[in-house]
Amino acid sequence: MRFIADMMLGRLARWLRLYGYDTLYGVEDDDEIIRVALSEGRAILTRDSGLAERAKKLGAEAFLLRSNSLEGQVKELKRLGVEFKELFPAKARCPKCNGLLRRASKEEVRGKVPAKVYEKYDEFYICQKCGQIYWPGRQWVEMLKIDKRLRGER
C-alpha cells in the first residue's frame, strides 16, 4: 500500500516510512494531493473531512483519521487493514525523504559519521535518495520503545 499524507500528518508519515510504507508528505495543495493520489495509485491520509470527501468523489482512496495522536492514528489504520510489523532497518524507508535504505559497510561510512559512532557501531544504513546515514544508536533504542507501544506490546 502506498500513501500520500496531508500536512497535518507529518509524524505519522515518518513512522509509516519506518515501517516500510512508501509515503509521500509535504504536498500542501489539496488539489495536488488528489492529483498525485490518482496518478500514482496512492491512498490519501488526512484529518481534513473536506479533502477526504472531495478525493472520494473524484475516485481516490482516502482515509479520514480522527485522532490527534500517533498511537490513535496507528490504531485507526490498523482497523483499516494497514499492518504494523516490527521495525527492521533493511525494510524501512528514509523517514526524511521516503527514499529506500540499503545496508552500508563500515568502511563506506568512514569519515561520514562521527568518529565515536564509527568506533562503536558496525551496522549502518544509507538512504539511496538523500544520502542520510543511520545506525542503531540511542535514537534507535527509543524508536523501538515507541514501536512496541504502537504494536500494542508491553
N, C-alpha and C. Protein backbone atom coordinates (compact mmCIF):
# COMPACT_ATOMS: atom_id res chain seq x y z
N MET A 1 0.84 -1.17 0.00
CA MET A 1 0.00 0.00 0.00
C MET A 1 0.89 1.24 0.00
N ARG A 2 0.55 2.20 -0.83
CA ARG A 2 1.30 3.45 -0.93
C ARG A 2 0.39 4.60 -0.50
N PHE A 3 0.99 5.58 0.19
CA PHE A 3 0.20 6.66 0.76
C PHE A 3 0.72 8.03 0.33
N ILE A 4 -0.17 9.02 0.49
CA ILE A 4 0.22 10.43 0.48
C ILE A 4 -0.50 11.05 1.67
N ALA A 5 0.27 11.64 2.57
CA ALA A 5 -0.29 12.19 3.81
C ALA A 5 -0.36 13.70 3.71
N ASP A 6 -1.46 14.27 4.22
CA ASP A 6 -1.57 15.73 4.18
C ASP A 6 -0.66 16.35 5.25
N MET A 7 -0.60 17.67 5.25
CA MET A 7 0.35 18.39 6.10
C MET A 7 0.08 18.24 7.61
N MET A 8 -1.08 17.71 7.98
CA MET A 8 -1.39 17.52 9.40
C MET A 8 -0.82 16.21 9.94
N LEU A 9 -0.23 15.40 9.08
CA LEU A 9 0.16 14.04 9.48
C LEU A 9 1.64 13.76 9.27
N GLY A 10 2.49 14.73 9.55
CA GLY A 10 3.93 14.56 9.34
C GLY A 10 4.54 13.46 10.19
N ARG A 11 4.19 13.41 11.46
CA ARG A 11 4.76 12.38 12.34
C ARG A 11 4.32 10.99 11.88
N LEU A 12 3.06 10.84 11.54
CA LEU A 12 2.56 9.55 11.04
C LEU A 12 3.28 9.18 9.76
N ALA A 13 3.49 10.13 8.86
CA ALA A 13 4.18 9.84 7.59
C ALA A 13 5.58 9.30 7.86
N ARG A 14 6.32 9.91 8.78
CA ARG A 14 7.68 9.42 9.09
C ARG A 14 7.63 8.00 9.63
N TRP A 15 6.65 7.71 10.50
CA TRP A 15 6.56 6.37 11.07
C TRP A 15 6.14 5.35 10.01
N LEU A 16 5.24 5.70 9.13
CA LEU A 16 4.87 4.78 8.05
C LEU A 16 6.10 4.44 7.21
N ARG A 17 6.94 5.42 6.94
CA ARG A 17 8.17 5.18 6.20
C ARG A 17 9.07 4.20 6.95
N LEU A 18 9.17 4.37 8.27
CA LEU A 18 10.00 3.46 9.06
C LEU A 18 9.47 2.02 9.01
N TYR A 19 8.17 1.87 8.83
CA TYR A 19 7.58 0.53 8.70
C TYR A 19 7.64 0.03 7.26
N GLY A 20 8.25 0.79 6.37
CA GLY A 20 8.45 0.34 5.00
C GLY A 20 7.40 0.80 4.00
N TYR A 21 6.46 1.63 4.43
CA TYR A 21 5.42 2.10 3.51
C TYR A 21 5.91 3.31 2.72
N ASP A 22 5.74 3.25 1.42
CA ASP A 22 6.06 4.36 0.51
C ASP A 22 5.04 5.46 0.80
N THR A 23 5.49 6.53 1.48
CA THR A 23 4.58 7.57 1.95
C THR A 23 5.10 8.95 1.57
N LEU A 24 4.37 9.62 0.69
CA LEU A 24 4.71 11.00 0.33
C LEU A 24 4.15 11.94 1.38
N TYR A 25 4.89 13.03 1.61
CA TYR A 25 4.47 14.03 2.57
C TYR A 25 5.11 15.35 2.16
N GLY A 26 4.42 16.43 2.39
CA GLY A 26 4.98 17.73 2.10
C GLY A 26 4.24 18.48 1.00
N VAL A 27 3.26 17.83 0.38
CA VAL A 27 2.43 18.49 -0.63
C VAL A 27 1.37 19.31 0.10
N GLU A 28 1.38 20.62 -0.10
CA GLU A 28 0.48 21.49 0.66
C GLU A 28 -0.89 21.68 0.02
N ASP A 29 -0.97 21.62 -1.29
CA ASP A 29 -2.21 21.91 -2.00
C ASP A 29 -3.10 20.67 -2.11
N ASP A 30 -4.35 20.79 -1.66
CA ASP A 30 -5.28 19.66 -1.67
C ASP A 30 -5.50 19.11 -3.08
N ASP A 31 -5.63 20.00 -4.06
CA ASP A 31 -5.83 19.55 -5.44
C ASP A 31 -4.64 18.71 -5.92
N GLU A 32 -3.43 19.12 -5.52
CA GLU A 32 -2.22 18.38 -5.91
C GLU A 32 -2.17 17.03 -5.19
N ILE A 33 -2.59 16.99 -3.94
CA ILE A 33 -2.64 15.72 -3.21
C ILE A 33 -3.55 14.74 -3.94
N ILE A 34 -4.72 15.20 -4.34
CA ILE A 34 -5.67 14.34 -5.05
C ILE A 34 -5.09 13.92 -6.40
N ARG A 35 -4.49 14.85 -7.13
CA ARG A 35 -3.90 14.53 -8.43
C ARG A 35 -2.82 13.45 -8.30
N VAL A 36 -1.92 13.63 -7.33
CA VAL A 36 -0.85 12.65 -7.11
C VAL A 36 -1.43 11.29 -6.71
N ALA A 37 -2.41 11.31 -5.82
CA ALA A 37 -3.04 10.05 -5.37
C ALA A 37 -3.63 9.30 -6.56
N LEU A 38 -4.33 10.00 -7.41
CA LEU A 38 -4.96 9.35 -8.57
C LEU A 38 -3.92 8.89 -9.59
N SER A 39 -2.92 9.70 -9.86
CA SER A 39 -1.95 9.34 -10.89
C SER A 39 -0.97 8.26 -10.44
N GLU A 40 -0.71 8.17 -9.12
CA GLU A 40 0.26 7.20 -8.62
C GLU A 40 -0.38 6.05 -7.85
N GLY A 41 -1.70 6.02 -7.77
CA GLY A 41 -2.37 4.94 -7.05
C GLY A 41 -2.08 4.94 -5.56
N ARG A 42 -2.06 6.12 -4.97
CA ARG A 42 -1.79 6.25 -3.54
C ARG A 42 -3.08 6.51 -2.77
N ALA A 43 -3.15 6.00 -1.55
CA ALA A 43 -4.27 6.30 -0.67
C ALA A 43 -3.93 7.58 0.09
N ILE A 44 -4.91 8.46 0.19
CA ILE A 44 -4.72 9.73 0.90
C ILE A 44 -4.99 9.51 2.38
N LEU A 45 -4.09 10.02 3.21
CA LEU A 45 -4.28 10.03 4.66
C LEU A 45 -4.49 11.48 5.06
N THR A 46 -5.60 11.77 5.73
CA THR A 46 -5.90 13.15 6.07
C THR A 46 -6.73 13.23 7.34
N ARG A 47 -6.67 14.41 7.95
CA ARG A 47 -7.55 14.73 9.08
C ARG A 47 -8.59 15.74 8.62
N ASP A 48 -8.57 16.09 7.35
CA ASP A 48 -9.46 17.10 6.76
C ASP A 48 -10.64 16.42 6.08
N SER A 49 -11.83 16.53 6.68
CA SER A 49 -13.01 15.85 6.13
C SER A 49 -13.35 16.35 4.73
N GLY A 50 -13.13 17.64 4.47
CA GLY A 50 -13.41 18.19 3.14
C GLY A 50 -12.52 17.57 2.08
N LEU A 51 -11.24 17.42 2.38
CA LEU A 51 -10.30 16.79 1.44
C LEU A 51 -10.71 15.33 1.21
N ALA A 52 -11.03 14.62 2.28
CA ALA A 52 -11.42 13.20 2.14
C ALA A 52 -12.66 13.05 1.25
N GLU A 53 -13.66 13.90 1.47
CA GLU A 53 -14.89 13.83 0.66
C GLU A 53 -14.61 14.13 -0.80
N ARG A 54 -13.88 15.22 -1.06
CA ARG A 54 -13.55 15.58 -2.46
C ARG A 54 -12.78 14.47 -3.15
N ALA A 55 -11.79 13.92 -2.43
CA ALA A 55 -10.96 12.87 -3.01
C ALA A 55 -11.79 11.65 -3.39
N LYS A 56 -12.69 11.25 -2.49
CA LYS A 56 -13.53 10.08 -2.75
C LYS A 56 -14.47 10.32 -3.93
N LYS A 57 -15.01 11.53 -4.03
CA LYS A 57 -15.89 11.86 -5.16
C LYS A 57 -15.15 11.79 -6.50
N LEU A 58 -13.86 12.08 -6.46
CA LEU A 58 -13.05 12.05 -7.68
C LEU A 58 -12.44 10.67 -7.94
N GLY A 59 -12.73 9.71 -7.08
CA GLY A 59 -12.28 8.34 -7.30
C GLY A 59 -11.00 7.94 -6.59
N ALA A 60 -10.50 8.79 -5.70
CA ALA A 60 -9.29 8.46 -4.96
C ALA A 60 -9.65 7.75 -3.66
N GLU A 61 -8.79 6.87 -3.23
CA GLU A 61 -8.96 6.23 -1.93
C GLU A 61 -8.47 7.21 -0.87
N ALA A 62 -9.29 7.44 0.14
CA ALA A 62 -8.92 8.39 1.19
C ALA A 62 -9.35 7.87 2.54
N PHE A 63 -8.44 8.00 3.50
CA PHE A 63 -8.72 7.60 4.88
C PHE A 63 -8.76 8.86 5.73
N LEU A 64 -9.92 9.12 6.32
CA LEU A 64 -10.09 10.25 7.22
C LEU A 64 -9.75 9.78 8.63
N LEU A 65 -8.68 10.33 9.20
CA LEU A 65 -8.24 9.95 10.54
C LEU A 65 -8.76 10.98 11.54
N ARG A 66 -9.27 10.52 12.64
CA ARG A 66 -9.88 11.39 13.65
C ARG A 66 -8.91 11.76 14.77
N SER A 67 -7.98 10.88 15.07
CA SER A 67 -7.11 11.07 16.23
C SER A 67 -6.03 12.13 15.98
N ASN A 68 -5.67 12.83 17.05
CA ASN A 68 -4.54 13.76 17.02
C ASN A 68 -3.23 13.08 17.35
N SER A 69 -3.28 11.92 18.00
CA SER A 69 -2.06 11.26 18.47
C SER A 69 -1.58 10.22 17.48
N LEU A 70 -0.28 10.00 17.47
CA LEU A 70 0.31 8.97 16.62
C LEU A 70 -0.29 7.61 16.96
N GLU A 71 -0.39 7.30 18.26
CA GLU A 71 -0.92 6.00 18.67
C GLU A 71 -2.36 5.81 18.19
N GLY A 72 -3.17 6.85 18.33
CA GLY A 72 -4.55 6.78 17.87
C GLY A 72 -4.64 6.63 16.36
N GLN A 73 -3.79 7.34 15.63
CA GLN A 73 -3.79 7.24 14.17
C GLN A 73 -3.38 5.84 13.72
N VAL A 74 -2.41 5.25 14.39
CA VAL A 74 -1.99 3.89 14.05
C VAL A 74 -3.13 2.91 14.32
N LYS A 75 -3.84 3.07 15.45
CA LYS A 75 -4.98 2.20 15.74
C LYS A 75 -6.03 2.30 14.65
N GLU A 76 -6.31 3.52 14.19
CA GLU A 76 -7.29 3.71 13.12
C GLU A 76 -6.84 3.01 11.84
N LEU A 77 -5.57 3.14 11.50
CA LEU A 77 -5.06 2.50 10.28
C LEU A 77 -5.08 0.98 10.41
N LYS A 78 -4.81 0.47 11.60
CA LYS A 78 -4.88 -0.98 11.82
C LYS A 78 -6.30 -1.48 11.54
N ARG A 79 -7.30 -0.73 12.01
CA ARG A 79 -8.70 -1.12 11.77
C ARG A 79 -9.02 -1.10 10.27
N LEU A 80 -8.29 -0.31 9.52
CA LEU A 80 -8.50 -0.22 8.07
C LEU A 80 -7.66 -1.26 7.31
N GLY A 81 -6.92 -2.09 8.05
CA GLY A 81 -6.17 -3.17 7.42
C GLY A 81 -4.69 -2.90 7.18
N VAL A 82 -4.18 -1.76 7.64
CA VAL A 82 -2.75 -1.46 7.49
C VAL A 82 -2.00 -2.22 8.58
N GLU A 83 -0.96 -2.95 8.18
CA GLU A 83 -0.20 -3.76 9.13
C GLU A 83 1.02 -2.99 9.63
N PHE A 84 1.29 -3.13 10.91
CA PHE A 84 2.46 -2.54 11.51
C PHE A 84 3.28 -3.67 12.12
N LYS A 85 4.23 -4.14 11.34
CA LYS A 85 5.11 -5.22 11.80
C LYS A 85 6.34 -4.59 12.43
N GLU A 86 7.10 -5.41 13.11
CA GLU A 86 8.28 -4.91 13.82
C GLU A 86 9.20 -4.13 12.88
N LEU A 87 9.73 -3.03 13.41
CA LEU A 87 10.66 -2.22 12.64
C LEU A 87 11.89 -3.03 12.29
N PHE A 88 12.34 -2.88 11.07
CA PHE A 88 13.58 -3.54 10.64
C PHE A 88 14.25 -2.62 9.64
N PRO A 89 15.43 -2.13 9.95
CA PRO A 89 16.05 -1.10 9.12
C PRO A 89 16.17 -1.44 7.63
N ALA A 90 16.40 -2.69 7.32
CA ALA A 90 16.59 -3.05 5.91
C ALA A 90 15.32 -2.89 5.09
N LYS A 91 14.15 -2.90 5.74
CA LYS A 91 12.89 -2.74 5.01
C LYS A 91 12.32 -1.34 5.16
N ALA A 92 12.90 -0.55 6.05
CA ALA A 92 12.41 0.81 6.29
C ALA A 92 12.77 1.72 5.13
N ARG A 93 12.06 2.81 5.05
CA ARG A 93 12.37 3.87 4.11
C ARG A 93 12.92 5.04 4.92
N CYS A 94 13.60 5.94 4.28
CA CYS A 94 14.17 7.10 4.96
C CYS A 94 13.03 7.94 5.53
N PRO A 95 13.04 8.20 6.84
CA PRO A 95 11.97 9.00 7.43
C PRO A 95 12.00 10.45 6.96
N LYS A 96 13.12 10.90 6.44
CA LYS A 96 13.24 12.29 5.98
C LYS A 96 12.72 12.49 4.56
N CYS A 97 13.09 11.57 3.65
CA CYS A 97 12.77 11.82 2.23
C CYS A 97 11.98 10.71 1.54
N ASN A 98 11.74 9.59 2.22
CA ASN A 98 10.99 8.46 1.68
C ASN A 98 11.83 7.57 0.75
N GLY A 99 13.12 7.85 0.64
CA GLY A 99 13.99 7.02 -0.20
C GLY A 99 14.21 5.65 0.40
N LEU A 100 14.67 4.72 -0.42
CA LEU A 100 14.97 3.38 0.06
C LEU A 100 16.29 3.36 0.80
N LEU A 101 16.34 2.58 1.87
CA LEU A 101 17.59 2.41 2.61
C LEU A 101 18.30 1.16 2.13
N ARG A 102 19.62 1.20 2.20
CA ARG A 102 20.41 0.00 1.90
C ARG A 102 21.48 -0.14 2.96
N ARG A 103 21.87 -1.38 3.21
CA ARG A 103 22.92 -1.65 4.19
C ARG A 103 24.23 -1.09 3.63
N ALA A 104 25.03 -0.50 4.49
CA ALA A 104 26.32 0.05 4.08
C ALA A 104 27.42 -0.59 4.92
N SER A 105 28.57 -0.78 4.30
CA SER A 105 29.70 -1.33 5.04
C SER A 105 30.27 -0.25 5.96
N LYS A 106 30.95 -0.70 6.98
CA LYS A 106 31.57 0.23 7.91
C LYS A 106 32.57 1.11 7.18
N GLU A 107 33.32 0.52 6.29
CA GLU A 107 34.32 1.28 5.53
C GLU A 107 33.67 2.39 4.69
N GLU A 108 32.50 2.10 4.16
CA GLU A 108 31.79 3.07 3.31
C GLU A 108 31.40 4.34 4.06
N VAL A 109 31.19 4.24 5.38
CA VAL A 109 30.76 5.41 6.14
C VAL A 109 31.92 6.09 6.87
N ARG A 110 33.12 5.57 6.72
CA ARG A 110 34.30 6.18 7.37
C ARG A 110 34.40 7.65 6.95
N GLY A 111 34.53 8.52 7.94
CA GLY A 111 34.64 9.94 7.66
C GLY A 111 33.32 10.64 7.42
N LYS A 112 32.24 9.87 7.35
CA LYS A 112 30.91 10.45 7.11
C LYS A 112 30.05 10.44 8.36
N VAL A 113 30.50 9.74 9.38
CA VAL A 113 29.82 9.73 10.68
C VAL A 113 30.84 10.15 11.73
N PRO A 114 30.39 10.61 12.90
CA PRO A 114 31.34 10.99 13.95
C PRO A 114 32.26 9.82 14.31
N ALA A 115 33.49 10.12 14.66
CA ALA A 115 34.49 9.08 14.96
C ALA A 115 34.01 8.12 16.04
N LYS A 116 33.36 8.64 17.09
CA LYS A 116 32.88 7.77 18.17
C LYS A 116 31.81 6.79 17.66
N VAL A 117 30.96 7.27 16.77
CA VAL A 117 29.92 6.40 16.18
C VAL A 117 30.60 5.32 15.34
N TYR A 118 31.58 5.71 14.55
CA TYR A 118 32.29 4.76 13.69
C TYR A 118 32.95 3.67 14.54
N GLU A 119 33.53 4.05 15.66
CA GLU A 119 34.21 3.09 16.54
C GLU A 119 33.22 2.16 17.23
N LYS A 120 32.07 2.68 17.64
CA LYS A 120 31.13 1.92 18.47
C LYS A 120 30.22 0.98 17.69
N TYR A 121 29.84 1.35 16.46
CA TYR A 121 28.84 0.59 15.72
C TYR A 121 29.42 -0.08 14.48
N ASP A 122 28.81 -1.22 14.12
CA ASP A 122 29.20 -1.95 12.92
C ASP A 122 28.09 -2.02 11.88
N GLU A 123 26.89 -1.60 12.27
CA GLU A 123 25.71 -1.69 11.40
C GLU A 123 25.31 -0.28 10.95
N PHE A 124 25.28 -0.09 9.63
CA PHE A 124 24.93 1.22 9.07
C PHE A 124 24.01 1.05 7.87
N TYR A 125 23.16 2.05 7.67
CA TYR A 125 22.25 2.09 6.52
C TYR A 125 22.34 3.47 5.89
N ILE A 126 22.25 3.51 4.57
CA ILE A 126 22.31 4.78 3.83
C ILE A 126 21.05 4.91 2.98
N CYS A 127 20.49 6.13 3.00
CA CYS A 127 19.36 6.41 2.11
C CYS A 127 19.90 6.56 0.70
N GLN A 128 19.31 5.82 -0.23
CA GLN A 128 19.76 5.86 -1.61
C GLN A 128 19.35 7.15 -2.33
N LYS A 129 18.46 7.91 -1.71
CA LYS A 129 17.97 9.14 -2.34
C LYS A 129 18.71 10.38 -1.80
N CYS A 130 18.74 10.54 -0.46
CA CYS A 130 19.32 11.76 0.11
C CYS A 130 20.70 11.55 0.74
N GLY A 131 21.12 10.29 0.90
CA GLY A 131 22.44 10.01 1.45
C GLY A 131 22.53 10.01 2.97
N GLN A 132 21.41 10.22 3.66
CA GLN A 132 21.42 10.21 5.12
C GLN A 132 21.90 8.85 5.63
N ILE A 133 22.73 8.86 6.65
CA ILE A 133 23.26 7.62 7.22
C ILE A 133 22.59 7.36 8.57
N TYR A 134 22.21 6.10 8.78
CA TYR A 134 21.54 5.69 10.02
C TYR A 134 22.32 4.54 10.65
N TRP A 135 22.25 4.44 11.97
CA TRP A 135 22.86 3.35 12.72
C TRP A 135 22.01 3.10 13.95
N PRO A 136 22.10 1.90 14.55
CA PRO A 136 21.23 1.55 15.70
C PRO A 136 21.75 2.11 17.02
N GLY A 137 21.77 3.41 17.13
CA GLY A 137 22.24 4.08 18.34
C GLY A 137 21.13 4.37 19.33
N ARG A 138 21.34 5.36 20.16
CA ARG A 138 20.40 5.71 21.23
C ARG A 138 19.02 6.05 20.67
N GLN A 139 18.99 6.78 19.58
CA GLN A 139 17.70 7.16 18.98
C GLN A 139 16.95 5.92 18.51
N TRP A 140 17.67 4.93 17.97
CA TRP A 140 17.04 3.70 17.51
C TRP A 140 16.40 2.96 18.68
N VAL A 141 17.06 2.94 19.83
CA VAL A 141 16.52 2.28 21.02
C VAL A 141 15.21 2.94 21.44
N GLU A 142 15.15 4.27 21.38
CA GLU A 142 13.91 4.98 21.72
C GLU A 142 12.81 4.67 20.70
N MET A 143 13.18 4.57 19.44
CA MET A 143 12.21 4.23 18.40
C MET A 143 11.63 2.84 18.63
N LEU A 144 12.45 1.91 19.08
CA LEU A 144 11.96 0.56 19.34
C LEU A 144 10.95 0.54 20.48
N LYS A 145 11.13 1.42 21.47
CA LYS A 145 10.16 1.52 22.57
C LYS A 145 8.82 2.03 22.04
N ILE A 146 8.86 3.04 21.18
CA ILE A 146 7.63 3.57 20.59
C ILE A 146 6.99 2.50 19.70
N ASP A 147 7.81 1.78 18.95
CA ASP A 147 7.32 0.70 18.08
C ASP A 147 6.52 -0.32 18.90
N LYS A 148 7.03 -0.72 20.03
CA LYS A 148 6.31 -1.69 20.87
C LYS A 148 4.97 -1.15 21.32
N ARG A 149 4.92 0.13 21.68
CA ARG A 149 3.65 0.76 22.08
C ARG A 149 2.68 0.77 20.90
N LEU A 150 3.18 1.14 19.73
CA LEU A 150 2.31 1.23 18.55
C LEU A 150 1.74 -0.13 18.17
N ARG A 151 2.52 -1.18 18.39
CA ARG A 151 2.05 -2.53 18.05
C ARG A 151 1.31 -3.19 19.19
N GLY A 152 1.18 -2.48 20.33
CA GLY A 152 0.40 -2.99 21.45
C GLY A 152 1.13 -3.99 22.30
N GLU A 153 2.46 -3.97 22.26
CA GLU A 153 3.26 -4.88 23.11
C GLU A 153 3.67 -4.16 24.38
N ARG A 154 4.01 -4.92 25.38
CA ARG A 154 4.49 -4.35 26.65
C ARG A 154 5.98 -4.28 26.67
